[in-house]
Amino acid sequence: MSIMKSNLLCAFLIIISSFVLFSCDKKMNKEKYLQKFTSFIDEVSLKGNDFTEEQWKKADKIFTALADTDNFEFKDNLTASDKKEIGKLKGKYVLMRAKSGFRKAKKEVKEIMDQTEGFLDSILDELKDSGVELEKMIK
């Protein structure tokens, strides 16, 4: 499957997930909520490496809705264990999102380095072609 088809499939799955999540609204019980949050994190874990920035923005919206337990009626029924599990899920997402940002930054730095190398090569070639001796310029 091509990368574009894969990205479209990921976007489609995120959109479907968000509709399912929000269709449950505040009537969701804590078991369904934990299951949906876990499924969302599992999906992002599997496919997040290939997400575009637009897909990450959609995932961020879903994550924000899931992470804010104050919006759910069951918030007062969360046990210490539930809260710990929610914390783990939040931590996994934040780490995945950070890794995505690092990969993007690494790619951008590599592109800048490649361009800089080309720029310097071009200058050196021009100086060499024009008969300028670099050693004399440096001294």
Protein backbone atom coordinates (compact mmCIF):
# COMPACT_ATOMS: atom_id res chain seq x y z
CA MET A 1 0.00 0.00 0.00
CA SER A 2 1.40 3.38 -0.88
CA ILE A 3 2.23 5.95 1.78
CA MET A 4 -0.52 8.27 0.54
CA LYS A 5 -3.14 5.52 0.81
CA SER A 6 -1.80 4.62 4.24
CA ASN A 7 -2.02 8.26 5.37
CA LEU A 8 -5.56 8.55 4.05
CA LEU A 9 -6.51 5.36 5.87
CA CYS A 10 -5.00 6.72 9.11
CA ALA A 11 -6.89 9.99 8.72
CA PHE A 12 -10.11 8.10 8.03
CA LEU A 13 -9.63 5.92 11.11
CA ILE A 14 -8.97 8.94 13.31
CA ILE A 15 -12.09 10.69 12.02
CA ILE A 16 -14.20 7.58 12.59
CA SER A 17 -12.72 7.19 16.07
CA SER A 18 -13.57 10.77 16.93
CA PHE A 19 -17.18 10.34 15.75
CA VAL A 20 -17.51 7.19 17.85
CA LEU A 21 -15.97 8.92 20.83
CA PHE A 22 -18.11 12.02 20.65
CA SER A 23 -21.30 10.13 19.86
CA CYS A 24 -21.04 8.61 23.33
CA ASP A 25 -20.81 12.10 24.84
CA LYS A 26 -20.95 12.37 28.63
CA LYS A 27 -23.08 9.23 29.04
CA MET A 28 -20.02 7.01 28.60
CA ASN A 29 -19.17 4.88 31.63
CA LYS A 30 -15.61 4.63 32.89
CA GLU A 31 -15.01 1.14 31.49
CA LYS A 32 -15.98 2.24 27.98
CA TYR A 33 -13.96 5.42 28.42
CA LEU A 34 -10.81 3.53 29.46
CA GLN A 35 -11.32 1.10 26.57
CA LYS A 36 -11.70 3.96 24.07
CA PHE A 37 -8.71 5.84 25.45
CA THR A 38 -6.57 2.68 25.35
CA SER A 39 -7.71 1.87 21.79
CA PHE A 40 -6.92 5.42 20.67
CA ILE A 41 -3.42 5.27 22.17
CA ASP A 42 -2.84 1.83 20.62
CA GLU A 43 -3.92 3.15 17.20
CA VAL A 44 -1.65 6.19 17.43
CA SER A 45 1.19 3.97 18.62
CA LEU A 46 0.81 1.75 15.56
CA LYS A 47 0.30 4.47 12.95
CA GLY A 48 1.63 7.70 14.44
CA ASN A 49 5.08 7.41 12.85
CA ASP A 50 3.44 8.00 9.47
CA PHE A 51 1.08 10.79 10.56
CA THR A 52 1.14 14.07 8.70
CA GLU A 53 0.93 17.28 10.72
CA GLU A 54 -2.78 17.49 9.88
CA GLN A 55 -3.35 13.97 11.21
CA TRP A 56 -1.48 14.88 14.40
CA LYS A 57 -3.72 17.93 14.84
CA LYS A 58 -6.81 15.70 14.58
CA ALA A 59 -5.28 13.21 16.99
CA ASP A 60 -4.47 16.08 19.38
CA LYS A 61 -8.15 17.06 19.43
CA ILE A 62 -9.22 13.52 20.24
CA PHE A 63 -6.52 13.22 22.89
CA THR A 64 -7.58 16.50 24.51
CA ALA A 65 -11.19 15.31 24.67
CA LEU A 66 -10.16 11.98 26.18
CA ALA A 67 -7.58 13.37 28.59
CA ASP A 68 -9.98 15.84 30.20
CA THR A 69 -11.92 13.52 32.52
CA ASP A 70 -13.71 16.49 34.10
CA ASN A 71 -16.08 16.39 31.11
CA PHE A 72 -17.38 12.94 32.01
CA GLU A 73 -20.07 12.08 34.57
CA PHE A 74 -18.00 9.21 35.98
CA LYS A 75 -15.06 11.44 36.98
CA ASP A 76 -15.88 11.10 40.70
CA ASN A 77 -15.93 7.28 40.39
CA LEU A 78 -12.36 6.95 39.11
CA THR A 79 -10.24 4.82 41.41
CA ALA A 80 -6.55 5.42 42.10
CA SER A 81 -5.84 2.57 39.69
CA ASP A 82 -8.02 4.19 37.00
CA LYS A 83 -6.23 7.50 37.45
CA LYS A 84 -2.86 5.77 37.23
CA GLU A 85 -3.91 4.07 33.98
CA ILE A 86 -5.16 7.38 32.56
CA GLY A 87 -1.84 8.94 33.52
CA LYS A 88 0.04 6.18 31.68
CA LEU A 89 -2.08 6.71 28.57
CA LYS A 90 -1.49 10.46 28.70
CA GLY A 91 2.24 9.90 29.13
CA LYS A 92 2.39 7.53 26.14
CA TYR A 93 0.62 10.05 23.93
CA VAL A 94 2.81 12.97 25.02
CA LEU A 95 5.92 10.88 24.34
CA MET A 96 4.68 9.81 20.90
CA ARG A 97 3.82 13.41 20.05
CA ALA A 98 7.24 14.61 21.22
CA LYS A 99 8.99 11.94 19.15
CA SER A 100 7.03 13.10 16.13
CA GLY A 101 8.27 16.65 16.71
CA PHE A 102 11.85 15.45 17.11
CA ARG A 103 11.66 13.47 13.86
CA LYS A 104 10.33 16.54 12.05
CA ALA A 105 13.04 18.77 13.54
CA LYS A 106 15.74 16.23 12.67
CA LYS A 107 14.52 16.11 9.08
CA GLU A 108 14.51 19.91 8.85
CA VAL A 109 18.04 20.17 10.29
CA LYS A 110 19.26 17.56 7.81
CA GLU A 111 17.71 19.52 4.94
CA ILE A 112 19.41 22.71 6.13
CA MET A 113 22.74 20.91 6.43
CA ASP A 114 22.37 19.45 2.93
CA GLN A 115 21.56 22.92 1.54
CA THR A 116 24.46 24.50 3.43
CA GLU A 117 26.84 21.89 2.08
CA GLY A 118 25.62 22.59 -1.45
CA PHE A 119 25.91 26.34 -0.88
CA LEU A 120 29.51 26.05 0.33
CA ASP A 121 30.43 23.68 -2.49
CA SER A 122 29.06 26.18 -4.98
CA ILE A 123 31.06 29.06 -3.48
CA LEU A 124 34.25 27.01 -3.38
CA ASP A 125 33.78 25.91 -7.00
CA GLU A 126 33.19 29.51 -8.12
CA LEU A 127 36.28 30.73 -6.28
CA LYS A 128 38.34 27.90 -7.72
CA ASP A 129 37.03 28.57 -11.25
CA SER A 130 37.83 32.27 -10.94
CA GLY A 131 41.42 31.51 -10.00
CA VAL A 132 41.21 32.66 -6.40
CA GLU A 133 43.50 30.65 -4.21
CA LEU A 134 41.77 29.94 -0.91
CA GLU A 135 45.00 29.42 0.97
CA LYS A 136 46.06 32.99 0.17
CA MET A 137 42.63 34.33 1.25
CA ILE A 138 42.82 32.55 4.60
CA LYS A 139 46.34 33.75 5.45
